[in-house]
């Protein structure tokens, strides 16, 4: 018999699996959905591009504060 432990409940807009992409390692958990979901599957390069875009937006916001 397999045992499953609920570690977290992820809500709309949340992400998971990023540690495996960042650390170049296997994922640490299995995700089971309890309702219908829409997922975006990203490879490492796409994920890094999304992160850089988010960081750039935050930097622009800070710079706008000074203008």
Protein backbone atom coordinates (compact mmCIF):
# COMPACT_ATOMS: atom_id res chain seq x y z
CA UNK A 1 0.00 0.00 0.00
CA UNK A 2 1.32 3.45 -0.92
CA UNK A 3 1.03 6.28 1.55
CA UNK A 4 0.66 9.88 0.48
CA UNK A 5 1.21 12.88 2.70
CA UNK A 6 -0.28 16.27 1.88
CA UNK A 7 2.64 18.68 2.14
CA UNK A 8 0.95 21.72 0.62
CA UNK A 9 -2.16 22.83 -1.18
CA UNK A 10 -1.31 25.00 -4.14
CA UNK A 11 -3.71 27.73 -5.18
CA UNK A 12 -4.31 29.51 -8.48
CA UNK A 13 -1.22 31.32 -9.72
CA UNK A 14 1.21 29.25 -7.68
CA UNK A 15 4.09 27.25 -9.05
CA UNK A 16 5.91 24.05 -8.21
CA UNK A 17 8.93 22.16 -9.47
CA UNK A 18 11.16 25.20 -9.76
CA UNK A 19 13.79 23.82 -7.37
CA UNK A 20 14.46 20.94 -9.75
CA UNK A 21 14.94 23.42 -12.62
CA UNK A 22 17.16 25.77 -10.63
CA UNK A 23 19.25 23.06 -8.98
CA UNK A 24 19.48 20.78 -12.00
CA UNK A 25 18.19 17.86 -9.94
CA UNK A 26 15.28 15.47 -9.80
CA UNK A 27 11.99 16.80 -8.51
CA UNK A 28 11.36 16.23 -4.81
CA UNK A 29 7.64 15.45 -4.88
CA UNK A 30 4.74 14.21 -6.94
CA UNK A 31 1.80 16.53 -7.49
CA UNK A 32 -1.73 15.16 -7.50
CA UNK A 33 -4.57 17.44 -8.60
CA UNK A 34 -7.93 17.19 -6.86
CA UNK A 35 -9.76 19.21 -9.52
CA UNK A 36 -9.37 20.18 -13.18
CA UNK A 37 -6.34 22.41 -13.78
CA UNK A 38 -4.52 24.28 -16.52
CA UNK A 39 -0.76 23.85 -16.46
CA UNK A 40 2.14 25.54 -18.18
CA UNK A 41 5.08 23.22 -18.69
CA UNK A 42 8.41 25.02 -18.96
CA UNK A 43 11.87 23.72 -19.67
CA UNK A 44 14.86 25.20 -17.85
CA UNK A 45 15.64 27.82 -20.51
CA UNK A 46 12.04 29.06 -20.65
CA UNK A 47 11.84 29.18 -16.87
CA UNK A 48 15.03 31.26 -16.66
CA UNK A 49 13.64 33.62 -19.30
CA UNK A 50 10.43 34.09 -17.29
CA UNK A 51 12.45 34.76 -14.12
CA UNK A 52 14.61 37.36 -15.87
CA UNK A 53 11.52 39.10 -17.23
CA UNK A 54 10.02 39.26 -13.73
CA UNK A 55 13.27 40.58 -12.26
CA UNK A 56 13.45 43.24 -14.97
CA UNK A 57 9.90 44.37 -14.21
CA UNK A 58 10.73 44.68 -10.50
CA UNK A 59 13.87 46.66 -11.29
CA UNK A 60 11.93 48.98 -13.62
CA UNK A 61 9.37 49.59 -10.87
CA UNK A 62 12.12 50.57 -8.45
CA UNK A 63 13.74 52.85 -11.01
CA UNK A 64 10.40 54.54 -11.77
CA UNK A 65 10.15 55.39 -8.09
CA UNK A 66 13.22 57.63 -8.43
CA UNK A 67 11.95 59.52 -11.49
